[in-house]
């Protein structure tokens, strides 16, 4: 199947403004390129040398080989820091202060996760079918719970949240390939796998009109966390028990 396309409405909401100078925490090239197409000037932070090589030739994208726990730029460089599907891969105690440091006053951390929406009836039926063979089938750990850490961060006291519905067109072969790549299929013999794929094909036929494709639903969970530098720049107050040395 092709990669799920993030709609422009969601990109605009996460970007806040047009033509921003942004930092994107990049696990691959897809998210930086999507933001680039929306007209933004980007620094792409990644710990993957191959991603640096692929992004380097692109105009208005400057790749940086580093981790978000140690961002190699001066303070107050970016209006928006973007992170898609990767917030859970960071150490929040180290990364969030670094992100706050490089954001300009009034800037924000825009974090997002694309997760499958299992509330649609045909998706629920597919999950129930696969869980006959593996109770954990289609119970992916997306990492989206990391968005909750933003709500408790002293560096980002104001957080806005929004969810976008995103649909991916899926053909019969796409659906069969999705099932073939499930871990549970490694435990099935050829006869069992053929029987399962036959049931999945019947499910497809019952859920779609002849000649059409299904649409696989996703939710794009988005957060805009607005930076507050007071915790980084406030005066140091000595406790009463501290030793004061007059100068």
Protein backbone atom coordinates (compact mmCIF):
# COMPACT_ATOMS: atom_id res chain seq x y z
CA UNK A 1 0.00 0.00 0.00
CA UNK A 2 1.08 3.59 -0.54
CA UNK A 3 1.92 5.84 2.39
CA UNK A 4 -1.07 7.60 3.95
CA UNK A 5 -1.22 11.19 2.67
CA UNK A 6 -1.43 13.86 5.38
CA UNK A 7 -4.06 16.42 4.29
CA UNK A 8 -3.09 20.05 3.74
CA UNK A 9 -5.61 21.18 6.36
CA UNK A 10 -3.71 19.24 9.02
CA UNK A 11 -0.32 20.45 7.78
CA UNK A 12 -1.55 24.05 7.93
CA UNK A 13 -2.90 23.58 11.47
CA UNK A 14 0.40 22.13 12.67
CA UNK A 15 2.43 24.81 10.86
CA UNK A 16 0.41 27.68 12.39
CA UNK A 17 1.80 30.24 9.92
CA UNK A 18 2.80 30.32 6.27
CA UNK A 19 6.43 30.01 5.29
CA UNK A 20 7.78 29.22 8.74
CA UNK A 21 11.38 28.59 9.66
CA UNK A 22 11.03 25.21 11.28
CA UNK A 23 12.94 22.34 12.79
CA UNK A 24 11.62 18.87 11.99
CA UNK A 25 12.64 15.77 13.93
CA UNK A 26 12.97 13.35 11.04
CA UNK A 27 13.01 9.57 11.11
CA UNK A 28 12.84 9.43 7.32
CA UNK A 29 12.38 11.84 4.42
CA UNK A 30 8.57 11.78 4.14
CA UNK A 31 7.59 14.36 6.77
CA UNK A 32 10.30 16.91 5.86
CA UNK A 33 9.32 16.63 2.19
CA UNK A 34 5.63 17.08 3.03
CA UNK A 35 6.39 20.25 5.00
CA UNK A 36 8.73 21.43 2.26
CA UNK A 37 5.94 21.12 -0.31
CA UNK A 38 3.79 23.30 1.95
CA UNK A 39 6.32 26.11 1.53
CA UNK A 40 8.33 25.98 4.75
CA UNK A 41 12.09 26.41 5.25
CA UNK A 42 13.37 23.55 7.35
CA UNK A 43 16.24 22.18 9.36
CA UNK A 44 15.81 18.39 9.55
CA UNK A 45 17.28 16.76 12.66
CA UNK A 46 17.97 13.04 12.32
CA UNK A 47 20.35 10.41 13.65
CA UNK A 48 20.20 8.50 10.36
CA UNK A 49 23.10 9.31 7.98
CA UNK A 50 21.10 7.97 5.02
CA UNK A 51 18.34 10.52 5.69
CA UNK A 52 20.93 13.31 5.78
CA UNK A 53 22.23 12.19 2.37
CA UNK A 54 18.74 12.14 0.84
CA UNK A 55 17.65 15.51 2.22
CA UNK A 56 20.91 17.35 1.59
CA UNK A 57 20.31 18.17 -2.10
CA UNK A 58 16.81 19.60 -1.48
CA UNK A 59 16.54 23.39 -1.53
CA UNK A 60 15.29 24.95 1.74
CA UNK A 61 16.04 21.80 3.78
CA UNK A 62 19.21 21.73 5.89
CA UNK A 63 19.85 18.31 7.44
CA UNK A 64 21.49 18.02 10.86
CA UNK A 65 22.94 14.74 12.12
CA UNK A 66 22.08 14.83 15.83
CA UNK A 67 19.60 13.75 18.49
CA UNK A 68 16.80 15.96 19.87
CA UNK A 69 18.34 15.64 23.34
CA UNK A 70 21.26 17.78 22.09
CA UNK A 71 20.13 20.12 19.30
CA UNK A 72 23.23 21.77 17.74
CA UNK A 73 21.83 25.25 17.09
CA UNK A 74 21.72 28.56 18.92
CA UNK A 75 18.64 29.44 21.00
CA UNK A 76 15.51 31.03 19.53
CA UNK A 77 16.09 29.81 15.97
CA UNK A 78 12.71 28.34 14.98
CA UNK A 79 9.07 29.33 14.94
CA UNK A 80 7.83 25.72 14.94
CA UNK A 81 9.41 22.39 15.83
CA UNK A 82 7.65 19.53 14.04
CA UNK A 83 7.67 15.92 15.20
CA UNK A 84 5.52 13.26 13.53
CA UNK A 85 5.32 9.66 14.82
CA UNK A 86 8.56 10.17 16.78
CA UNK A 87 7.90 11.94 20.07
CA UNK A 88 7.98 8.63 21.95
CA UNK A 89 11.51 7.94 20.65
CA UNK A 90 12.88 10.96 22.55
CA UNK A 91 13.87 11.23 26.21
CA UNK A 92 11.31 13.87 27.27
CA UNK A 93 13.35 15.05 30.25
CA UNK A 94 16.21 15.92 27.90
CA UNK A 95 14.49 16.67 24.59
CA UNK A 96 11.69 19.01 25.71
CA UNK A 97 14.04 21.56 27.32
CA UNK A 98 16.18 21.46 24.18
CA UNK A 99 13.17 22.03 21.95
CA UNK A 100 12.00 24.90 24.16
CA UNK A 101 15.50 26.43 23.98
CA UNK A 102 15.57 26.59 20.17
CA UNK A 103 12.01 27.91 19.78
CA UNK A 104 11.46 31.62 19.40
CA UNK A 105 9.16 33.35 21.91
CA UNK A 106 5.60 32.65 20.82
CA UNK A 107 6.63 29.49 18.97
CA UNK A 108 5.30 25.99 19.39
CA UNK A 109 6.10 22.31 19.26
CA UNK A 110 3.72 20.65 16.79
CA UNK A 111 3.50 16.92 17.42
CA UNK A 112 1.34 14.40 15.58
CA UNK A 113 0.54 10.70 15.34
CA UNK A 114 -1.35 8.83 12.64
CA UNK A 115 -3.26 5.90 14.15
CA UNK A 116 -5.69 3.47 12.58
CA UNK A 117 -9.35 4.12 13.41
CA UNK A 118 -10.87 0.76 14.35
CA UNK A 119 -14.37 2.14 14.90
CA UNK A 120 -15.43 1.46 11.27
CA UNK A 121 -17.45 -1.81 11.09
CA UNK A 122 -15.41 -3.58 8.39
CA UNK A 123 -12.16 -2.84 10.25
CA UNK A 124 -13.64 -4.28 13.45
CA UNK A 125 -14.65 -7.43 11.52
CA UNK A 126 -11.15 -7.76 10.07
CA UNK A 127 -9.59 -7.42 13.53
CA UNK A 128 -11.97 -10.02 14.97
CA UNK A 129 -11.09 -12.41 12.14
CA UNK A 130 -7.34 -12.06 12.68
CA UNK A 131 -7.63 -12.36 16.46
CA UNK A 132 -8.94 -15.88 16.08
CA UNK A 133 -5.33 -16.73 15.27
CA UNK A 134 -3.54 -14.11 17.39
CA UNK A 135 -5.28 -12.18 20.21
CA UNK A 136 -2.80 -9.31 19.74
CA UNK A 137 -3.40 -8.87 15.99
CA UNK A 138 -3.96 -5.26 14.89
CA UNK A 139 -3.21 -3.93 18.38
CA UNK A 140 -0.31 -1.73 17.35
CA UNK A 141 1.65 0.45 19.75
CA UNK A 142 1.78 3.76 17.93
CA UNK A 143 3.52 5.78 20.66
CA UNK A 144 0.74 8.37 20.68
CA UNK A 145 0.51 8.23 24.47
CA UNK A 146 3.66 10.37 24.46
CA UNK A 147 1.45 13.36 23.55
CA UNK A 148 0.24 13.28 27.15
CA UNK A 149 3.73 14.24 28.34
CA UNK A 150 3.29 17.62 26.69
CA UNK A 151 0.38 18.45 28.98
CA UNK A 152 2.56 18.13 32.06
CA UNK A 153 5.68 19.90 30.73
CA UNK A 154 6.57 23.16 32.45
CA UNK A 155 8.12 24.36 29.18
CA UNK A 156 4.83 23.97 27.28
CA UNK A 157 2.02 24.96 29.67
CA UNK A 158 -0.54 25.64 26.94
CA UNK A 159 -1.44 22.75 24.62
CA UNK A 160 -4.06 22.72 21.87
CA UNK A 161 -5.29 19.43 20.46
CA UNK A 162 -7.14 18.47 17.31
CA UNK A 163 -7.90 15.24 15.46
CA UNK A 164 -8.27 14.88 11.68
CA UNK A 165 -9.91 11.95 9.90
CA UNK A 166 -7.71 10.61 7.10
CA UNK A 167 -8.73 7.92 4.61
CA UNK A 168 -6.52 5.58 2.59
CA UNK A 169 -7.91 3.81 -0.44
CA UNK A 170 -7.25 0.08 -0.24
CA UNK A 171 -7.80 -2.52 -2.97
CA UNK A 172 -8.45 -6.22 -2.50
CA UNK A 173 -4.76 -6.99 -3.11
CA UNK A 174 -3.72 -4.25 -0.69
CA UNK A 175 -5.89 -5.82 2.01
CA UNK A 176 -4.57 -9.32 1.32
CA UNK A 177 -0.99 -8.03 1.45
CA UNK A 178 -1.74 -6.28 4.73
CA UNK A 179 -2.84 -9.63 6.17
CA UNK A 180 0.11 -11.51 4.64
CA UNK A 181 2.49 -9.18 6.48
CA UNK A 182 0.86 -9.73 9.88
CA UNK A 183 3.20 -11.57 12.31
CA UNK A 184 0.54 -14.23 12.90
CA UNK A 185 0.95 -15.62 9.37
CA UNK A 186 4.38 -17.03 10.32
CA UNK A 187 2.56 -19.59 12.49
CA UNK A 188 0.14 -20.72 9.77
CA UNK A 189 0.71 -23.54 7.32
CA UNK A 190 -0.09 -22.90 3.63
CA UNK A 191 -3.58 -24.39 3.92
CA UNK A 192 -4.46 -22.27 6.96
CA UNK A 193 -3.09 -19.12 5.31
CA UNK A 194 -5.07 -19.78 2.12
CA UNK A 195 -8.24 -20.27 4.19
CA UNK A 196 -7.63 -17.03 6.09
CA UNK A 197 -6.98 -15.07 2.90
CA UNK A 198 -10.18 -16.48 1.44
CA UNK A 199 -12.12 -15.20 4.44
CA UNK A 200 -10.47 -11.79 4.11
CA UNK A 201 -11.39 -11.71 0.43
CA UNK A 202 -15.01 -12.51 1.31
CA UNK A 203 -14.95 -9.71 3.89
CA UNK A 204 -13.74 -7.31 1.19
CA UNK A 205 -16.56 -8.34 -1.15
CA UNK A 206 -19.17 -7.86 1.58
CA UNK A 207 -17.90 -4.39 2.50
CA UNK A 208 -17.50 -2.77 -0.92
CA UNK A 209 -19.56 -2.23 -4.01
CA UNK A 210 -18.47 -4.11 -7.19
CA UNK A 211 -15.56 -2.39 -8.93
CA UNK A 212 -14.80 -0.06 -6.01
CA UNK A 213 -12.12 0.00 -3.32
CA UNK A 214 -12.38 0.14 0.44
CA UNK A 215 -11.22 3.10 2.45
CA UNK A 216 -9.08 2.40 5.49
CA UNK A 217 -9.70 5.09 8.15
CA UNK A 218 -7.06 6.77 10.30
CA UNK A 219 -7.08 9.46 12.96
CA UNK A 220 -4.33 12.09 12.84
CA UNK A 221 -3.89 13.19 16.45
CA UNK A 222 -2.29 16.64 16.59
CA UNK A 223 -0.97 18.80 19.42
CA UNK A 224 0.35 22.37 19.37
CA UNK A 225 2.34 23.01 22.54
CA UNK A 226 3.21 26.70 23.03
CA UNK A 227 6.59 27.42 24.52
CA UNK A 228 7.13 29.29 27.78
CA UNK A 229 10.71 30.35 28.46
CA UNK A 230 10.14 31.55 32.01
CA UNK A 231 11.41 28.29 33.48
CA UNK A 232 14.64 28.74 31.52
CA UNK A 233 15.24 32.47 32.02
CA UNK A 234 13.65 33.26 35.39
CA UNK A 235 15.83 34.66 38.20
CA UNK A 236 17.46 32.23 40.59
CA UNK A 237 15.95 32.58 44.06
CA UNK A 238 18.16 31.42 46.91
CA UNK A 239 16.48 29.30 49.60
CA UNK A 240 16.51 30.73 53.12
CA UNK A 241 19.09 28.16 54.20
CA UNK A 242 21.50 29.10 51.43
CA UNK A 243 24.84 30.72 52.11
CA UNK A 244 24.89 34.31 50.81
CA UNK A 245 28.29 35.80 50.06
CA UNK A 246 28.22 39.62 49.71
CA UNK A 247 30.41 41.06 46.95
